[in-house]
Amino acid sequence: MFRSLSFARLWTGNTASGLATWALPFILGLAVLERSLSAVDLGIVLATRTAGFLVAVPVAGVLADRHSRRQVVLWAGLIAGLATPLIAVGMGRSLLLMAVAAAVVGVGQGACRPAFQALTAEVIADDQRQQANAAMTLAVRVTTLVAPGLTALLSVVASTSVLVIGTGVLWLCAALIPPQGTHNPAPPAAKARFFGEFADGIREARRHPWFLAGLGALTAVIATGYSATGVVLPLVSRDRYGTEAVLAAALTAYTLGALAGAVVISRWRPRHQGRAALIGLACYGFAPLSLLFPVHPAFVIAAYVVAGLGIELFNVPWFTATQREVEPGKLARVSSLDFLFSYGLAPAGLALIAPAIDQFGAVPVLAVCAVVCFAAPGAAALVPSARDFRVSRA
């Protein structure tokens, strides 16, 4: 697999899209530090990018099943790549231009996600997909680990605008590098209307109870635990420990744990893969739990290592099972539901967590979030087909 040119092109394109997605908020954060962008402006730009993402994901799911997945990746990358320089043009001059351009970039970002998922199933043989998915998520985690320092170094010799344009180049790489797939769309006469096709995707998802249960658990963990720790960890680091070092160490520990998880799951094949994956997802509950009490910082860091390890023990088998079990002609639509609910509700969780902490305090909110993180995957594991992420066939 790793010697395959098709896989190398797929891996490179997917990694480029992931790096471009991650890098833009970080680079714009540098612009805030330079005072060429206000914190409010940054929030608006990132919000419009998220809105573009949410609008595009379901549409792209239908288009990627209706047309060539490779063509959808191409157009998604081109849209994001060509819109990105407009963010740099508007920086410090026009918030409206930045917001509109960011929304278009979000459209490209959202459009490529389900298309890349479906393209992976076309390019990689079934018995090699778990390794392939692990390799792709490993690349994203390595990028997350080393890119902040690299970006900071580049900012010494390049302006923020140039760095923003650099993410546009990454999007062009994501558009042009991936290989052609094998998907043969239905002829035009057999096509239904958009909402009818999207409904077909929902019906396909309902055929897989393990998918609905796992998606519900993942959404609950992201909307509660992920959002709560995103808000509370910086506060705990500053107020309880008196240093931002705990924040930096915990986030680094999470990434290192995720790296370890990707390496482990690339080789490990548990007997009941679905159940093992859900146990991994439940491990995220240790992150909010570690912030509840005034423990030594080492416990917080260890909890984040476990959370990162667990999230990849879930992610890789989850993607692999979806690619294996879902009808190939409806895979992009089902994948779009995954991204729409799991990633789409993260901003909603962040928006609700801060007012909840103001109203009830951090301790009860963290306690509830920890319970949800443990309980939701546990409830999902009770669904019979969730044991192996597979519906038994007579």
Protein backbone atom coordinates (compact mmCIF):
# COMPACT_ATOMS: atom_id res chain seq x y z
CA MET A 1 0.00 0.00 0.00
CA PHE A 2 2.69 2.51 1.01
CA ARG A 3 4.51 1.90 -2.28
CA SER A 4 1.36 2.60 -4.28
CA LEU A 5 1.44 5.82 -6.28
CA SER A 6 -2.35 6.13 -5.99
CA PHE A 7 -2.17 5.95 -2.19
CA ALA A 8 0.74 8.42 -2.11
CA ARG A 9 -1.30 10.91 -4.16
CA LEU A 10 -4.40 10.37 -2.01
CA TRP A 11 -2.40 10.74 1.20
CA THR A 12 -0.67 13.90 -0.04
CA GLY A 13 -3.90 15.56 -1.18
CA ASN A 14 -5.77 14.68 1.99
CA THR A 15 -2.88 15.87 4.16
CA ALA A 16 -2.68 19.16 2.24
CA SER A 17 -6.39 19.79 2.81
CA GLY A 18 -6.06 18.98 6.51
CA LEU A 19 -3.05 21.27 6.91
CA ALA A 20 -4.80 24.13 5.09
CA THR A 21 -7.89 23.69 7.27
CA TRP A 22 -5.89 23.75 10.49
CA ALA A 23 -3.42 26.47 9.54
CA LEU A 24 -5.82 29.31 8.66
CA PRO A 25 -7.16 29.95 12.22
CA PHE A 26 -3.62 29.80 13.62
CA ILE A 27 -2.26 32.25 11.04
CA LEU A 28 -5.17 34.64 11.58
CA GLY A 29 -4.43 34.37 15.29
CA LEU A 30 -0.97 35.74 14.51
CA ALA A 31 -2.69 38.62 12.74
CA VAL A 32 -4.58 39.37 15.96
CA LEU A 33 -1.29 39.45 17.86
CA GLU A 34 0.09 41.84 15.24
CA ARG A 35 -3.07 43.99 15.65
CA SER A 36 -3.85 43.81 11.93
CA LEU A 37 -7.02 41.95 12.89
CA SER A 38 -9.20 42.26 15.99
CA ALA A 39 -10.37 39.31 18.05
CA VAL A 40 -13.98 40.10 17.10
CA ASP A 41 -13.08 40.15 13.42
CA LEU A 42 -11.31 36.81 13.81
CA GLY A 43 -14.41 35.31 15.40
CA ILE A 44 -16.61 36.56 12.55
CA VAL A 45 -14.26 35.21 9.87
CA LEU A 46 -14.02 31.79 11.49
CA ALA A 47 -17.79 31.70 12.04
CA THR A 48 -18.48 32.37 8.37
CA ARG A 49 -15.99 29.67 7.39
CA THR A 50 -17.88 27.22 9.62
CA ALA A 51 -21.18 28.31 8.09
CA GLY A 52 -19.80 27.63 4.60
CA PHE A 53 -18.63 24.22 5.76
CA LEU A 54 -22.03 23.26 7.16
CA VAL A 55 -23.86 24.39 4.03
CA ALA A 56 -21.50 22.53 1.70
CA VAL A 57 -21.22 19.16 3.46
CA PRO A 58 -24.69 17.75 2.66
CA VAL A 59 -24.65 19.20 -0.86
CA ALA A 60 -21.19 17.71 -1.50
CA GLY A 61 -22.36 14.33 -0.24
CA VAL A 62 -25.02 14.23 -2.94
CA LEU A 63 -22.70 15.60 -5.63
CA ALA A 64 -19.93 13.14 -4.79
CA ASP A 65 -22.33 10.22 -5.22
CA ARG A 66 -23.88 11.75 -8.33
CA HIS A 67 -20.56 12.59 -10.04
CA SER A 68 -16.93 11.53 -9.92
CA ARG A 69 -15.51 11.85 -6.39
CA ARG A 70 -12.23 12.98 -7.93
CA GLN A 71 -13.99 15.83 -9.72
CA VAL A 72 -15.68 16.95 -6.51
CA VAL A 73 -12.30 16.99 -4.73
CA LEU A 74 -10.87 18.97 -7.64
CA TRP A 75 -13.55 21.65 -7.62
CA ALA A 76 -13.66 21.83 -3.83
CA GLY A 77 -9.90 22.42 -3.66
CA LEU A 78 -9.98 24.97 -6.46
CA ILE A 79 -12.83 26.89 -4.81
CA ALA A 80 -10.99 27.04 -1.48
CA GLY A 81 -7.62 27.75 -3.09
CA LEU A 82 -8.84 30.62 -5.26
CA ALA A 83 -10.88 32.23 -2.46
CA THR A 84 -8.09 32.14 0.13
CA PRO A 85 -6.04 35.07 -1.29
CA LEU A 86 -9.12 37.27 -0.92
CA ILE A 87 -8.89 36.77 2.85
CA ALA A 88 -5.37 38.20 2.68
CA VAL A 89 -6.55 41.10 0.48
CA GLY A 90 -9.32 41.99 2.94
CA MET A 91 -7.14 41.76 6.05
CA GLY A 92 -7.10 45.15 7.73
CA ARG A 93 -9.15 46.65 4.89
CA SER A 94 -12.52 44.97 4.54
CA LEU A 95 -14.08 42.62 7.08
CA LEU A 96 -16.92 41.93 4.64
CA LEU A 97 -14.50 40.70 1.98
CA MET A 98 -12.70 38.51 4.51
CA ALA A 99 -15.96 37.03 5.79
CA VAL A 100 -17.31 36.26 2.32
CA ALA A 101 -14.00 34.75 1.22
CA ALA A 102 -13.81 32.66 4.40
CA ALA A 103 -17.33 31.37 3.76
CA VAL A 104 -16.27 30.28 0.26
CA VAL A 105 -13.18 28.59 1.71
CA GLY A 106 -15.50 26.82 4.16
CA VAL A 107 -17.59 25.62 1.21
CA GLY A 108 -14.49 24.08 -0.35
CA GLN A 109 -13.45 22.57 2.96
CA GLY A 110 -16.88 21.06 3.54
CA ALA A 111 -17.20 19.79 -0.03
CA CYS A 112 -13.93 17.86 0.04
CA ARG A 113 -14.55 15.95 3.29
CA PRO A 114 -17.18 13.39 2.16
CA ALA A 115 -15.58 13.20 -1.29
CA PHE A 116 -12.20 12.26 0.21
CA GLN A 117 -13.86 9.62 2.41
CA ALA A 118 -15.55 8.03 -0.59
CA LEU A 119 -12.44 8.34 -2.76
CA THR A 120 -10.43 6.42 -0.15
CA ALA A 121 -12.80 3.48 -0.51
CA GLU A 122 -12.27 3.55 -4.27
CA VAL A 123 -8.49 3.78 -4.25
CA ILE A 124 -7.59 1.48 -1.33
CA ALA A 125 -8.45 -2.24 -1.12
CA ASP A 126 -10.70 -3.27 1.76
CA ASP A 127 -8.01 -5.17 3.68
CA GLN A 128 -5.68 -2.15 3.60
CA ARG A 129 -8.10 0.66 4.47
CA GLN A 130 -7.49 0.62 8.21
CA GLN A 131 -3.77 1.12 7.64
CA ALA A 132 -4.52 3.81 5.04
CA ASN A 133 -6.89 5.70 7.35
CA ALA A 134 -4.37 5.44 10.17
CA ALA A 135 -1.61 6.79 7.92
CA MET A 136 -3.75 9.76 6.89
CA THR A 137 -4.77 10.65 10.43
CA LEU A 138 -1.14 10.18 11.53
CA ALA A 139 -0.09 12.81 9.00
CA VAL A 140 -2.69 15.25 10.32
CA ARG A 141 -1.53 14.73 13.92
CA VAL A 142 2.14 15.18 13.03
CA THR A 143 1.22 18.36 11.20
CA THR A 144 -0.70 19.63 14.23
CA LEU A 145 2.31 18.93 16.42
CA VAL A 146 5.03 20.59 14.34
CA ALA A 147 3.13 23.23 12.37
CA PRO A 148 2.72 25.87 15.13
CA GLY A 149 6.46 26.16 15.57
CA LEU A 150 7.07 26.04 11.83
CA THR A 151 4.44 28.72 11.20
CA ALA A 152 5.94 30.92 13.90
CA LEU A 153 9.35 30.57 12.26
CA LEU A 154 7.92 31.38 8.83
CA SER A 155 6.24 34.47 10.26
CA VAL A 156 9.71 35.88 10.93
CA VAL A 157 10.53 35.96 7.21
CA ALA A 158 7.03 36.21 5.68
CA SER A 159 4.04 38.43 6.37
CA THR A 160 0.77 37.08 7.67
CA SER A 161 -0.83 37.77 4.29
CA VAL A 162 1.78 35.61 2.56
CA LEU A 163 1.16 32.79 5.04
CA VAL A 164 -2.59 33.01 4.37
CA ILE A 165 -1.92 32.76 0.63
CA GLY A 166 0.26 29.74 1.41
CA THR A 167 -2.81 27.90 2.69
CA GLY A 168 -4.40 28.62 -0.67
CA VAL A 169 -1.46 26.86 -2.34
CA LEU A 170 -2.12 23.87 -0.08
CA TRP A 171 -5.73 23.82 -1.26
CA LEU A 172 -4.55 23.79 -4.87
CA CYS A 173 -2.35 20.80 -4.02
CA ALA A 174 -5.36 19.09 -2.47
CA ALA A 175 -7.29 19.77 -5.69
CA LEU A 176 -4.69 18.64 -8.21
CA ILE A 177 -2.73 15.78 -6.62
CA PRO A 178 -5.27 13.04 -5.65
CA PRO A 179 -5.73 10.09 -8.04
CA GLN A 180 -8.74 9.16 -10.14
CA GLY A 181 -11.20 6.80 -8.47
CA THR A 182 -13.38 4.00 -9.83
CA HIS A 183 -16.85 5.34 -9.02
CA ASN A 184 -19.29 5.09 -11.94
CA PRO A 185 -22.22 7.45 -11.27
CA ALA A 186 -25.75 6.59 -12.34
CA PRO A 187 -26.76 7.82 -15.81
CA PRO A 188 -28.66 11.14 -15.88
CA ALA A 189 -32.03 9.49 -16.50
CA ALA A 190 -31.77 7.62 -13.21
CA LYS A 191 -31.03 10.68 -11.08
CA ALA A 192 -33.51 12.06 -8.60
CA ARG A 193 -33.86 15.53 -7.15
CA PHE A 194 -31.34 16.72 -4.57
CA PHE A 195 -33.56 16.21 -1.51
CA GLY A 196 -34.62 12.80 -2.75
CA GLU A 197 -31.00 11.73 -3.12
CA PHE A 198 -30.10 13.12 0.30
CA ALA A 199 -33.05 11.22 1.78
CA ASP A 200 -31.68 8.06 0.17
CA GLY A 201 -28.46 8.68 2.06
CA ILE A 202 -30.38 9.00 5.32
CA ARG A 203 -32.22 5.75 4.59
CA GLU A 204 -28.89 4.04 3.90
CA ALA A 205 -27.55 5.31 7.25
CA ARG A 206 -30.63 3.94 9.02
CA ARG A 207 -29.84 0.50 7.61
CA HIS A 208 -26.79 0.50 9.89
CA PRO A 209 -27.86 0.88 13.55
CA TRP A 210 -24.21 0.83 14.64
CA PHE A 211 -23.60 3.93 12.52
CA LEU A 212 -26.48 5.88 14.07
CA ALA A 213 -25.46 4.82 17.58
CA GLY A 214 -21.79 5.66 17.02
CA LEU A 215 -22.60 8.99 15.39
CA GLY A 216 -24.83 9.90 18.32
CA ALA A 217 -22.06 9.04 20.78
CA LEU A 218 -19.43 10.95 18.80
CA THR A 219 -21.67 14.00 18.51
CA ALA A 220 -22.38 13.95 22.25
CA VAL A 221 -18.68 13.73 23.13
CA ILE A 222 -17.70 16.56 20.78
CA ALA A 223 -20.61 18.83 21.76
CA THR A 224 -19.96 18.40 25.50
CA GLY A 225 -16.50 17.15 26.45
CA TYR A 226 -14.56 18.66 23.57
CA SER A 227 -16.35 22.00 23.91
CA ALA A 228 -16.07 22.14 27.70
CA THR A 229 -12.37 21.42 27.78
CA GLY A 230 -11.79 23.94 24.99
CA VAL A 231 -13.33 26.63 27.18
CA VAL A 232 -12.19 25.51 30.65
CA LEU A 233 -8.64 24.26 30.04
CA PRO A 234 -7.20 27.76 29.38
CA LEU A 235 -8.98 29.08 32.50
CA VAL A 236 -7.76 26.22 34.70
CA SER A 237 -4.22 26.59 33.38
CA ARG A 238 -4.21 30.30 34.20
CA ASP A 239 -6.21 30.43 37.45
CA ARG A 240 -5.40 27.11 39.16
CA TYR A 241 -1.81 26.57 38.06
CA GLY A 242 -0.80 30.16 37.34
CA THR A 243 0.85 29.40 34.03
CA GLU A 244 -0.08 28.78 30.40
CA ALA A 245 2.44 25.93 30.37
CA VAL A 246 -0.23 23.47 31.53
CA LEU A 247 -2.44 24.49 28.60
CA ALA A 248 0.40 23.98 26.11
CA ALA A 249 1.48 20.71 27.72
CA ALA A 250 -2.05 19.28 27.75
CA LEU A 251 -2.69 20.12 24.09
CA THR A 252 0.68 18.66 23.12
CA ALA A 253 -0.07 15.57 25.20
CA TYR A 254 -3.39 15.14 23.40
CA THR A 255 -1.66 15.23 20.02
CA LEU A 256 1.04 12.80 21.16
CA GLY A 257 -1.64 10.46 22.48
CA ALA A 258 -3.46 10.67 19.14
CA LEU A 259 -0.21 9.89 17.33
CA ALA A 260 0.27 6.83 19.51
CA GLY A 261 -3.33 5.80 18.89
CA ALA A 262 -2.92 6.05 15.12
CA VAL A 263 0.23 3.90 15.26
CA VAL A 264 -1.45 1.28 17.46
CA ILE A 265 -4.65 1.00 15.43
CA SER A 266 -2.75 0.73 12.15
CA ARG A 267 -1.73 -2.77 13.28
CA TRP A 268 -4.15 -3.79 16.04
CA ARG A 269 -7.28 -5.71 15.07
CA PRO A 270 -9.35 -6.24 18.22
CA ARG A 271 -11.78 -9.15 18.23
CA HIS A 272 -14.78 -6.83 18.59
CA GLN A 273 -13.59 -3.71 16.83
CA GLY A 274 -16.70 -1.60 17.38
CA ARG A 275 -16.76 -2.17 21.10
CA ALA A 276 -13.04 -1.39 21.39
CA ALA A 277 -13.54 1.79 19.35
CA LEU A 278 -16.37 2.99 21.60
CA ILE A 279 -14.24 2.34 24.68
CA GLY A 280 -11.61 4.51 23.05
CA LEU A 281 -14.16 7.27 22.42
CA ALA A 282 -15.25 7.12 26.07
CA CYS A 283 -11.67 7.82 27.11
CA TYR A 284 -12.26 11.46 26.20
CA GLY A 285 -14.20 11.70 29.46
CA PHE A 286 -10.91 11.70 31.36
CA ALA A 287 -10.13 15.17 29.96
CA PRO A 288 -13.02 17.05 31.64
CA LEU A 289 -12.68 14.77 34.68
CA SER A 290 -9.05 15.83 35.18
CA LEU A 291 -10.11 19.49 35.28
CA LEU A 292 -12.67 18.96 38.03
CA PHE A 293 -10.28 18.76 40.96
CA PRO A 294 -7.04 20.56 41.98
CA VAL A 295 -4.77 17.66 41.02
CA HIS A 296 -1.11 17.79 40.08
CA PRO A 297 -0.62 19.00 36.48
CA ALA A 298 0.82 15.59 35.61
CA PHE A 299 -2.64 14.07 36.03
CA VAL A 300 -4.12 16.60 33.60
CA ILE A 301 -1.41 15.88 31.05
CA ALA A 302 -1.86 12.11 31.47
CA ALA A 303 -5.61 12.46 31.01
CA TYR A 304 -5.09 14.30 27.74
CA VAL A 305 -2.70 11.60 26.52
CA VAL A 306 -5.40 8.99 27.20
CA ALA A 307 -8.06 11.15 25.51
CA GLY A 308 -5.92 11.57 22.39
CA LEU A 309 -5.08 7.88 22.31
CA GLY A 310 -8.73 6.94 22.62
CA ILE A 311 -10.04 9.31 19.96
CA GLU A 312 -7.85 7.70 17.29
CA LEU A 313 -8.72 4.21 18.49
CA PHE A 314 -12.26 5.28 17.59
CA ASN A 315 -11.72 7.42 14.48
CA VAL A 316 -9.77 4.97 12.33
CA PRO A 317 -12.07 1.91 12.80
CA TRP A 318 -15.09 4.22 12.44
CA PHE A 319 -13.99 5.55 9.06
CA THR A 320 -12.91 2.09 7.93
CA ALA A 321 -16.21 0.47 8.90
CA THR A 322 -18.20 3.20 7.15
CA GLN A 323 -16.18 2.68 3.97
CA ARG A 324 -16.67 -1.10 4.23
CA GLU A 325 -20.31 -1.39 5.23
CA VAL A 326 -22.11 1.45 3.45
CA GLU A 327 -23.32 0.91 -0.11
CA PRO A 328 -20.56 2.39 -2.33
CA GLY A 329 -22.97 4.56 -4.35
CA LYS A 330 -24.25 6.21 -1.16
CA LEU A 331 -21.00 6.42 0.80
CA ALA A 332 -20.41 10.15 0.30
CA ARG A 333 -23.93 11.01 1.47
CA VAL A 334 -23.59 8.90 4.61
CA SER A 335 -20.15 10.38 5.28
CA SER A 336 -21.63 13.86 4.91
CA LEU A 337 -24.07 13.04 7.73
CA ASP A 338 -21.08 12.05 9.87
CA PHE A 339 -19.28 15.36 9.31
CA LEU A 340 -22.47 17.41 9.50
CA PHE A 341 -23.49 16.16 12.94
CA SER A 342 -20.16 15.48 14.62
CA TYR A 343 -18.29 18.59 13.45
CA GLY A 344 -21.36 20.74 12.89
CA LEU A 345 -22.47 20.62 16.51
CA ALA A 346 -19.04 21.51 17.90
CA PRO A 347 -19.61 25.29 17.43
CA ALA A 348 -23.05 24.92 19.03
CA GLY A 349 -21.46 23.20 22.01
CA LEU A 350 -18.86 25.94 22.35
CA ALA A 351 -21.58 28.59 22.17
CA LEU A 352 -23.58 26.93 24.96
CA ILE A 353 -20.78 25.86 27.29
CA ALA A 354 -19.53 29.35 28.16
CA PRO A 355 -22.99 30.65 29.26
CA ALA A 356 -23.56 27.41 31.17
CA ILE A 357 -20.30 27.91 33.06
CA ASP A 358 -21.25 31.50 33.85
CA GLN A 359 -24.64 30.35 35.12
CA PHE A 360 -23.77 27.17 37.03
CA GLY A 361 -19.99 27.25 37.45
CA ALA A 362 -17.24 25.18 35.87
CA VAL A 363 -17.40 22.22 38.26
CA PRO A 364 -21.00 21.08 37.59
CA VAL A 365 -20.64 21.70 33.86
CA LEU A 366 -17.44 19.64 33.69
CA ALA A 367 -19.05 16.90 35.78
CA VAL A 368 -22.02 16.66 33.43
CA CYS A 369 -19.75 16.67 30.39
CA ALA A 370 -17.58 13.89 31.84
CA VAL A 371 -20.66 11.77 32.54
CA VAL A 372 -21.92 12.31 28.99
CA CYS A 373 -18.52 11.37 27.53
CA PHE A 374 -18.53 8.08 29.43
CA ALA A 375 -22.23 7.31 29.11
CA ALA A 376 -22.87 8.09 25.43
CA PRO A 377 -20.37 5.54 24.03
CA GLY A 378 -21.55 3.06 26.66
CA ALA A 379 -25.13 3.45 25.48
CA ALA A 380 -24.02 3.10 21.85
CA ALA A 381 -22.23 -0.15 22.71
CA LEU A 382 -25.58 -1.66 23.77
CA VAL A 383 -26.71 -1.67 20.14
CA PRO A 384 -25.99 -5.25 18.94
CA SER A 385 -24.38 -4.31 15.62
CA ALA A 386 -22.09 -1.80 17.39
CA ARG A 387 -20.01 -4.67 18.75
CA ASP A 388 -18.26 -5.12 15.41
CA PHE A 389 -19.50 -2.05 13.49
CA ARG A 390 -21.26 -4.50 11.22
CA VAL A 391 -24.85 -5.58 10.60
CA SER A 392 -25.01 -9.37 10.63
CA ARG A 393 -26.27 -10.89 7.44
CA ALA A 394 -28.25 -14.09 7.39
